[in-house]
């Protein structure tokens, strides 16, 4: 019943953003080797 919402994102060089609702609780990361 809700719209799709952004949670977090990470740029190609590691810049990150978080929705206010998850900030401090969620962490996005990338492992390019994997």
ModelCIF file with pLDDT and N, C-alpha, C, O atoms, coordinates in Angstrom:
data_MODEL
#
_entry.id   MODEL 
#
_entity.id                         1 
_entity.type                       polymer 
_entity.pdbx_number_of_molecules   1 
#
_entity_poly.entity_id                      1 
_entity_poly.type                           'polypeptide(L)' 
_entity_poly.nstd_linkage                   no 
_entity_poly.nstd_monomer                   no 
_entity_poly.pdbx_seq_one_letter_code       
;(UNK)(UNK)(UNK)(UNK)(UNK)(UNK)(UNK)(UNK)(UNK)(UNK)(UNK)(UNK)(UNK)(UNK)(UNK)(UNK)
(UNK)(UNK)(UNK)(UNK)(UNK)(UNK)(UNK)(UNK)(UNK)(UNK)(UNK)(UNK)(UNK)(UNK)(UNK)(UNK)
(UNK)(UNK)
;
_entity_poly.pdbx_seq_one_letter_code_can   XXXXXXXXXXXXXXXXXXXXXXXXXXXXXXXXXX 
_entity_poly.pdbx_strand_id                 A 
#
loop_
_entity_poly_seq.entity_id 
_entity_poly_seq.num 
_entity_poly_seq.mon_id 
_entity_poly_seq.hetero 
1 1  UNK n 
1 2  UNK n 
1 3  UNK n 
1 4  UNK n 
1 5  UNK n 
1 6  UNK n 
1 7  UNK n 
1 8  UNK n 
1 9  UNK n 
1 10 UNK n 
1 11 UNK n 
1 12 UNK n 
1 13 UNK n 
1 14 UNK n 
1 15 UNK n 
1 16 UNK n 
1 17 UNK n 
1 18 UNK n 
1 19 UNK n 
1 20 UNK n 
1 21 UNK n 
1 22 UNK n 
1 23 UNK n 
1 24 UNK n 
1 25 UNK n 
1 26 UNK n 
1 27 UNK n 
1 28 UNK n 
1 29 UNK n 
1 30 UNK n 
1 31 UNK n 
1 32 UNK n 
1 33 UNK n 
1 34 UNK n 
#
_struct_asym.id          A 
_struct_asym.entity_id   1 
#
loop_
_ma_qa_metric.id 
_ma_qa_metric.mode 
_ma_qa_metric.name 
_ma_qa_metric.software_group_id 
_ma_qa_metric.type 
1 global pLDDT . pLDDT 
2 local  pLDDT . pLDDT 
#
_ma_qa_metric_global.metric_id      1 
_ma_qa_metric_global.metric_value   95.88 
_ma_qa_metric_global.model_id       1 
_ma_qa_metric_global.ordinal_id     1 
#
loop_
_ma_qa_metric_local.label_asym_id 
_ma_qa_metric_local.label_comp_id 
_ma_qa_metric_local.label_seq_id 
_ma_qa_metric_local.metric_id 
_ma_qa_metric_local.metric_value 
_ma_qa_metric_local.model_id 
_ma_qa_metric_local.ordinal_id 
A UNK 1  2 94.00 1 1  
A UNK 2  2 96.00 1 2  
A UNK 3  2 95.00 1 3  
A UNK 4  2 96.00 1 4  
A UNK 5  2 97.00 1 5  
A UNK 6  2 98.00 1 6  
A UNK 7  2 98.00 1 7  
A UNK 8  2 98.00 1 8  
A UNK 9  2 97.00 1 9  
A UNK 10 2 96.00 1 10 
A UNK 11 2 95.00 1 11 
A UNK 12 2 92.00 1 12 
A UNK 13 2 92.00 1 13 
A UNK 14 2 93.00 1 14 
A UNK 15 2 95.00 1 15 
A UNK 16 2 97.00 1 16 
A UNK 17 2 97.00 1 17 
A UNK 18 2 98.00 1 18 
A UNK 19 2 98.00 1 19 
A UNK 20 2 98.00 1 20 
A UNK 21 2 98.00 1 21 
A UNK 22 2 98.00 1 22 
A UNK 23 2 98.00 1 23 
A UNK 24 2 98.00 1 24 
A UNK 25 2 98.00 1 25 
A UNK 26 2 98.00 1 26 
A UNK 27 2 98.00 1 27 
A UNK 28 2 98.00 1 28 
A UNK 29 2 97.00 1 29 
A UNK 30 2 94.00 1 30 
A UNK 31 2 93.00 1 31 
A UNK 32 2 88.00 1 32 
A UNK 33 2 90.00 1 33 
A UNK 34 2 94.00 1 34 
#
loop_
_atom_site.group_PDB 
_atom_site.id 
_atom_site.type_symbol 
_atom_site.label_atom_id 
_atom_site.label_alt_id 
_atom_site.label_comp_id 
_atom_site.label_asym_id 
_atom_site.label_entity_id 
_atom_site.label_seq_id 
_atom_site.pdbx_PDB_ins_code 
_atom_site.Cartn_x 
_atom_site.Cartn_y 
_atom_site.Cartn_z 
_atom_site.occupancy 
_atom_site.B_iso_or_equiv 
_atom_site.pdbx_formal_charge 
_atom_site.auth_seq_id 
_atom_site.auth_comp_id 
_atom_site.auth_asym_id 
_atom_site.auth_atom_id 
_atom_site.pdbx_PDB_model_num 
ATOM 1   N N  . UNK A 1 1  ? 0.766  -1.224 0.000  1.00 94.00 ? 1  UNK A N  1 
ATOM 2   C CA . UNK A 1 1  ? 0.000  0.000  0.000  1.00 94.00 ? 1  UNK A CA 1 
ATOM 3   C C  . UNK A 1 1  ? 0.801  1.279  0.000  1.00 94.00 ? 1  UNK A C  1 
ATOM 4   O O  . UNK A 1 1  ? 0.223  2.362  0.103  1.00 94.00 ? 1  UNK A O  1 
ATOM 5   N N  . UNK A 1 2  ? 2.109  1.190  -0.112 1.00 96.00 ? 2  UNK A N  1 
ATOM 6   C CA . UNK A 1 2  ? 2.958  2.368  -0.083 1.00 96.00 ? 2  UNK A CA 1 
ATOM 7   C C  . UNK A 1 2  ? 3.781  2.472  -1.362 1.00 96.00 ? 2  UNK A C  1 
ATOM 8   O O  . UNK A 1 2  ? 3.982  1.492  -2.080 1.00 96.00 ? 2  UNK A O  1 
ATOM 9   N N  . UNK A 1 3  ? 4.247  3.676  -1.620 1.00 95.00 ? 3  UNK A N  1 
ATOM 10  C CA . UNK A 1 3  ? 5.108  3.906  -2.771 1.00 95.00 ? 3  UNK A CA 1 
ATOM 11  C C  . UNK A 1 3  ? 6.498  3.351  -2.511 1.00 95.00 ? 3  UNK A C  1 
ATOM 12  O O  . UNK A 1 3  ? 6.938  3.236  -1.367 1.00 95.00 ? 3  UNK A O  1 
ATOM 13  N N  . UNK A 1 4  ? 7.179  3.011  -3.594 1.00 96.00 ? 4  UNK A N  1 
ATOM 14  C CA . UNK A 1 4  ? 8.567  2.607  -3.480 1.00 96.00 ? 4  UNK A CA 1 
ATOM 15  C C  . UNK A 1 4  ? 9.397  3.806  -3.047 1.00 96.00 ? 4  UNK A C  1 
ATOM 16  O O  . UNK A 1 4  ? 9.288  4.887  -3.624 1.00 96.00 ? 4  UNK A O  1 
ATOM 17  N N  . UNK A 1 5  ? 10.218 3.611  -2.037 1.00 97.00 ? 5  UNK A N  1 
ATOM 18  C CA . UNK A 1 5  ? 11.008 4.700  -1.502 1.00 97.00 ? 5  UNK A CA 1 
ATOM 19  C C  . UNK A 1 5  ? 12.487 4.351  -1.472 1.00 97.00 ? 5  UNK A C  1 
ATOM 20  O O  . UNK A 1 5  ? 12.868 3.192  -1.307 1.00 97.00 ? 5  UNK A O  1 
ATOM 21  N N  . UNK A 1 6  ? 13.297 5.363  -1.633 1.00 98.00 ? 6  UNK A N  1 
ATOM 22  C CA . UNK A 1 6  ? 14.726 5.180  -1.522 1.00 98.00 ? 6  UNK A CA 1 
ATOM 23  C C  . UNK A 1 6  ? 15.141 4.968  -0.084 1.00 98.00 ? 6  UNK A C  1 
ATOM 24  O O  . UNK A 1 6  ? 14.669 5.662  0.816  1.00 98.00 ? 6  UNK A O  1 
ATOM 25  N N  . UNK A 1 7  ? 16.014 4.022  0.129  1.00 98.00 ? 7  UNK A N  1 
ATOM 26  C CA . UNK A 1 7  ? 16.544 3.712  1.447  1.00 98.00 ? 7  UNK A CA 1 
ATOM 27  C C  . UNK A 1 7  ? 17.964 4.232  1.597  1.00 98.00 ? 7  UNK A C  1 
ATOM 28  O O  . UNK A 1 7  ? 18.293 4.912  2.569  1.00 98.00 ? 7  UNK A O  1 
ATOM 29  N N  . UNK A 1 8  ? 18.795 3.904  0.627  1.00 98.00 ? 8  UNK A N  1 
ATOM 30  C CA . UNK A 1 8  ? 20.190 4.293  0.656  1.00 98.00 ? 8  UNK A CA 1 
ATOM 31  C C  . UNK A 1 8  ? 20.753 4.173  -0.745 1.00 98.00 ? 8  UNK A C  1 
ATOM 32  O O  . UNK A 1 8  ? 20.215 3.439  -1.574 1.00 98.00 ? 8  UNK A O  1 
ATOM 33  N N  . UNK A 1 9  ? 21.826 4.884  -1.009 1.00 97.00 ? 9  UNK A N  1 
ATOM 34  C CA . UNK A 1 9  ? 22.513 4.721  -2.274 1.00 97.00 ? 9  UNK A CA 1 
ATOM 35  C C  . UNK A 1 9  ? 23.997 4.962  -2.074 1.00 97.00 ? 9  UNK A C  1 
ATOM 36  O O  . UNK A 1 9  ? 24.420 5.583  -1.099 1.00 97.00 ? 9  UNK A O  1 
ATOM 37  N N  . UNK A 1 10 ? 24.772 4.459  -3.014 1.00 96.00 ? 10 UNK A N  1 
ATOM 38  C CA . UNK A 1 10 ? 26.219 4.613  -2.969 1.00 96.00 ? 10 UNK A CA 1 
ATOM 39  C C  . UNK A 1 10 ? 26.711 4.897  -4.382 1.00 96.00 ? 10 UNK A C  1 
ATOM 40  O O  . UNK A 1 10 ? 26.335 4.208  -5.330 1.00 96.00 ? 10 UNK A O  1 
ATOM 41  N N  . UNK A 1 11 ? 27.547 5.909  -4.513 1.00 95.00 ? 11 UNK A N  1 
ATOM 42  C CA . UNK A 1 11 ? 28.076 6.273  -5.815 1.00 95.00 ? 11 UNK A CA 1 
ATOM 43  C C  . UNK A 1 11 ? 29.181 5.314  -6.222 1.00 95.00 ? 11 UNK A C  1 
ATOM 44  O O  . UNK A 1 11 ? 29.582 4.441  -5.453 1.00 95.00 ? 11 UNK A O  1 
ATOM 45  N N  . UNK A 1 12 ? 29.663 5.489  -7.440 1.00 92.00 ? 12 UNK A N  1 
ATOM 46  C CA . UNK A 1 12 ? 30.702 4.599  -7.946 1.00 92.00 ? 12 UNK A CA 1 
ATOM 47  C C  . UNK A 1 12 ? 31.998 4.691  -7.154 1.00 92.00 ? 12 UNK A C  1 
ATOM 48  O O  . UNK A 1 12 ? 32.795 3.754  -7.175 1.00 92.00 ? 12 UNK A O  1 
ATOM 49  N N  . UNK A 1 13 ? 32.227 5.803  -6.453 1.00 92.00 ? 13 UNK A N  1 
ATOM 50  C CA . UNK A 1 13 ? 33.439 5.935  -5.644 1.00 92.00 ? 13 UNK A CA 1 
ATOM 51  C C  . UNK A 1 13 ? 33.134 5.994  -4.154 1.00 92.00 ? 13 UNK A C  1 
ATOM 52  O O  . UNK A 1 13 ? 33.994 6.375  -3.361 1.00 92.00 ? 13 UNK A O  1 
ATOM 53  N N  . UNK A 1 14 ? 31.924 5.622  -3.767 1.00 93.00 ? 14 UNK A N  1 
ATOM 54  C CA . UNK A 1 14 ? 31.657 5.429  -2.364 1.00 93.00 ? 14 UNK A CA 1 
ATOM 55  C C  . UNK A 1 14 ? 30.907 6.520  -1.636 1.00 93.00 ? 14 UNK A C  1 
ATOM 56  O O  . UNK A 1 14 ? 30.718 6.419  -0.424 1.00 93.00 ? 14 UNK A O  1 
ATOM 57  N N  . UNK A 1 15 ? 30.473 7.558  -2.323 1.00 95.00 ? 15 UNK A N  1 
ATOM 58  C CA . UNK A 1 15 ? 29.602 8.549  -1.702 1.00 95.00 ? 15 UNK A CA 1 
ATOM 59  C C  . UNK A 1 15 ? 28.288 7.889  -1.326 1.00 95.00 ? 15 UNK A C  1 
ATOM 60  O O  . UNK A 1 15 ? 27.733 7.129  -2.120 1.00 95.00 ? 15 UNK A O  1 
ATOM 61  N N  . UNK A 1 16 ? 27.782 8.161  -0.139 1.00 97.00 ? 16 UNK A N  1 
ATOM 62  C CA . UNK A 1 16 ? 26.577 7.497  0.343  1.00 97.00 ? 16 UNK A CA 1 
ATOM 63  C C  . UNK A 1 16 ? 25.518 8.498  0.770  1.00 97.00 ? 16 UNK A C  1 
ATOM 64  O O  . UNK A 1 16 ? 25.822 9.621  1.173  1.00 97.00 ? 16 UNK A O  1 
ATOM 65  N N  . UNK A 1 17 ? 24.283 8.069  0.675  1.00 97.00 ? 17 UNK A N  1 
ATOM 66  C CA . UNK A 1 17 ? 23.128 8.801  1.170  1.00 97.00 ? 17 UNK A CA 1 
ATOM 67  C C  . UNK A 1 17 ? 22.195 7.825  1.855  1.00 97.00 ? 17 UNK A C  1 
ATOM 68  O O  . UNK A 1 17 ? 22.165 6.635  1.540  1.00 97.00 ? 17 UNK A O  1 
ATOM 69  N N  . UNK A 1 18 ? 21.429 8.358  2.805  1.00 98.00 ? 18 UNK A N  1 
ATOM 70  C CA . UNK A 1 18 ? 20.472 7.542  3.547  1.00 98.00 ? 18 UNK A CA 1 
ATOM 71  C C  . UNK A 1 18 ? 19.179 8.308  3.747  1.00 98.00 ? 18 UNK A C  1 
ATOM 72  O O  . UNK A 1 18 ? 19.179 9.525  3.935  1.00 98.00 ? 18 UNK A O  1 
ATOM 73  N N  . UNK A 1 19 ? 18.089 7.580  3.702  1.00 98.00 ? 19 UNK A N  1 
ATOM 74  C CA . UNK A 1 19 ? 16.825 8.160  4.117  1.00 98.00 ? 19 UNK A CA 1 
ATOM 75  C C  . UNK A 1 19 ? 16.881 8.494  5.601  1.00 98.00 ? 19 UNK A C  1 
ATOM 76  O O  . UNK A 1 19 ? 17.519 7.785  6.379  1.00 98.00 ? 19 UNK A O  1 
ATOM 77  N N  . UNK A 1 20 ? 16.213 9.570  5.988  1.00 98.00 ? 20 UNK A N  1 
ATOM 78  C CA . UNK A 1 20 ? 16.215 9.954  7.397  1.00 98.00 ? 20 UNK A CA 1 
ATOM 79  C C  . UNK A 1 20 ? 15.709 8.834  8.301  1.00 98.00 ? 20 UNK A C  1 
ATOM 80  O O  . UNK A 1 20 ? 16.160 8.696  9.438  1.00 98.00 ? 20 UNK A O  1 
ATOM 81  N N  . UNK A 1 21 ? 14.783 8.046  7.799  1.00 98.00 ? 21 UNK A N  1 
ATOM 82  C CA . UNK A 1 21 ? 14.185 7.006  8.608  1.00 98.00 ? 21 UNK A CA 1 
ATOM 83  C C  . UNK A 1 21 ? 15.147 5.874  8.954  1.00 98.00 ? 21 UNK A C  1 
ATOM 84  O O  . UNK A 1 21 ? 14.896 5.121  9.896  1.00 98.00 ? 21 UNK A O  1 
ATOM 85  N N  . UNK A 1 22 ? 16.237 5.744  8.212  1.00 98.00 ? 22 UNK A N  1 
ATOM 86  C CA . UNK A 1 22 ? 17.188 4.658  8.463  1.00 98.00 ? 22 UNK A CA 1 
ATOM 87  C C  . UNK A 1 22 ? 18.565 5.158  8.859  1.00 98.00 ? 22 UNK A C  1 
ATOM 88  O O  . UNK A 1 22 ? 19.435 4.355  9.194  1.00 98.00 ? 22 UNK A O  1 
ATOM 89  N N  . UNK A 1 23 ? 18.781 6.448  8.828  1.00 98.00 ? 23 UNK A N  1 
ATOM 90  C CA . UNK A 1 23 ? 20.096 7.004  9.133  1.00 98.00 ? 23 UNK A CA 1 
ATOM 91  C C  . UNK A 1 23 ? 20.527 6.614  10.544 1.00 98.00 ? 23 UNK A C  1 
ATOM 92  O O  . UNK A 1 23 ? 19.764 6.743  11.502 1.00 98.00 ? 23 UNK A O  1 
ATOM 93  N N  . UNK A 1 24 ? 21.743 6.142  10.650 1.00 98.00 ? 24 UNK A N  1 
ATOM 94  C CA . UNK A 1 24 ? 22.260 5.687  11.923 1.00 98.00 ? 24 UNK A CA 1 
ATOM 95  C C  . UNK A 1 24 ? 21.993 4.230  12.214 1.00 98.00 ? 24 UNK A C  1 
ATOM 96  O O  . UNK A 1 24 ? 22.584 3.668  13.136 1.00 98.00 ? 24 UNK A O  1 
ATOM 97  N N  . UNK A 1 25 ? 21.120 3.607  11.451 1.00 98.00 ? 25 UNK A N  1 
ATOM 98  C CA . UNK A 1 25 ? 20.805 2.197  11.642 1.00 98.00 ? 25 UNK A CA 1 
ATOM 99  C C  . UNK A 1 25 ? 21.289 1.325  10.487 1.00 98.00 ? 25 UNK A C  1 
ATOM 100 O O  . UNK A 1 25 ? 21.696 0.182  10.694 1.00 98.00 ? 25 UNK A O  1 
ATOM 101 N N  . UNK A 1 26 ? 21.245 1.866  9.272  1.00 98.00 ? 26 UNK A N  1 
ATOM 102 C CA . UNK A 1 26 ? 21.617 1.112  8.078  1.00 98.00 ? 26 UNK A CA 1 
ATOM 103 C C  . UNK A 1 26 ? 22.946 1.623  7.543  1.00 98.00 ? 26 UNK A C  1 
ATOM 104 O O  . UNK A 1 26 ? 23.271 2.801  7.683  1.00 98.00 ? 26 UNK A O  1 
ATOM 105 N N  . UNK A 1 27 ? 23.703 0.734  6.934  1.00 98.00 ? 27 UNK A N  1 
ATOM 106 C CA . UNK A 1 27 ? 24.966 1.090  6.305  1.00 98.00 ? 27 UNK A CA 1 
ATOM 107 C C  . UNK A 1 27 ? 25.067 0.416  4.948  1.00 98.00 ? 27 UNK A C  1 
ATOM 108 O O  . UNK A 1 27 ? 24.906 -0.799 4.836  1.00 98.00 ? 27 UNK A O  1 
ATOM 109 N N  . UNK A 1 28 ? 25.329 1.201  3.926  1.00 98.00 ? 28 UNK A N  1 
ATOM 110 C CA . UNK A 1 28 ? 25.529 0.662  2.591  1.00 98.00 ? 28 UNK A CA 1 
ATOM 111 C C  . UNK A 1 28 ? 27.029 0.597  2.314  1.00 98.00 ? 28 UNK A C  1 
ATOM 112 O O  . UNK A 1 28 ? 27.782 1.480  2.722  1.00 98.00 ? 28 UNK A O  1 
ATOM 113 N N  . UNK A 1 29 ? 27.448 -0.439 1.627  1.00 97.00 ? 29 UNK A N  1 
ATOM 114 C CA . UNK A 1 29 ? 28.848 -0.593 1.277  1.00 97.00 ? 29 UNK A CA 1 
ATOM 115 C C  . UNK A 1 29 ? 28.952 -1.379 -0.020 1.00 97.00 ? 29 UNK A C  1 
ATOM 116 O O  . UNK A 1 29 ? 27.994 -2.013 -0.462 1.00 97.00 ? 29 UNK A O  1 
ATOM 117 N N  . UNK A 1 30 ? 30.121 -1.326 -0.614 1.00 94.00 ? 30 UNK A N  1 
ATOM 118 C CA . UNK A 1 30 ? 30.335 -2.087 -1.835 1.00 94.00 ? 30 UNK A CA 1 
ATOM 119 C C  . UNK A 1 30 ? 31.667 -2.806 -1.775 1.00 94.00 ? 30 UNK A C  1 
ATOM 120 O O  . UNK A 1 30 ? 32.646 -2.294 -1.231 1.00 94.00 ? 30 UNK A O  1 
ATOM 121 N N  . UNK A 1 31 ? 31.687 -3.991 -2.339 1.00 93.00 ? 31 UNK A N  1 
ATOM 122 C CA . UNK A 1 31 ? 32.890 -4.791 -2.467 1.00 93.00 ? 31 UNK A CA 1 
ATOM 123 C C  . UNK A 1 31 ? 33.063 -5.048 -3.955 1.00 93.00 ? 31 UNK A C  1 
ATOM 124 O O  . UNK A 1 31 ? 32.465 -5.970 -4.509 1.00 93.00 ? 31 UNK A O  1 
ATOM 125 N N  . UNK A 1 32 ? 33.879 -4.235 -4.591 1.00 88.00 ? 32 UNK A N  1 
ATOM 126 C CA . UNK A 1 32 ? 34.023 -4.338 -6.033 1.00 88.00 ? 32 UNK A CA 1 
ATOM 127 C C  . UNK A 1 32 ? 34.652 -5.664 -6.458 1.00 88.00 ? 32 UNK A C  1 
ATOM 128 O O  . UNK A 1 32 ? 34.349 -6.176 -7.536 1.00 88.00 ? 32 UNK A O  1 
ATOM 129 N N  . UNK A 1 33 ? 35.517 -6.217 -5.625 1.00 90.00 ? 33 UNK A N  1 
ATOM 130 C CA . UNK A 1 33 ? 36.133 -7.495 -5.956 1.00 90.00 ? 33 UNK A CA 1 
ATOM 131 C C  . UNK A 1 33 ? 35.099 -8.605 -6.055 1.00 90.00 ? 33 UNK A C  1 
ATOM 132 O O  . UNK A 1 33 ? 35.253 -9.538 -6.842 1.00 90.00 ? 33 UNK A O  1 
ATOM 133 N N  . UNK A 1 34 ? 34.048 -8.502 -5.257 1.00 94.00 ? 34 UNK A N  1 
ATOM 134 C CA . UNK A 1 34 ? 32.975 -9.495 -5.286 1.00 94.00 ? 34 UNK A CA 1 
ATOM 135 C C  . UNK A 1 34 ? 31.805 -9.063 -6.145 1.00 94.00 ? 34 UNK A C  1 
ATOM 136 O O  . UNK A 1 34 ? 30.824 -9.797 -6.267 1.00 94.00 ? 34 UNK A O  1 
#
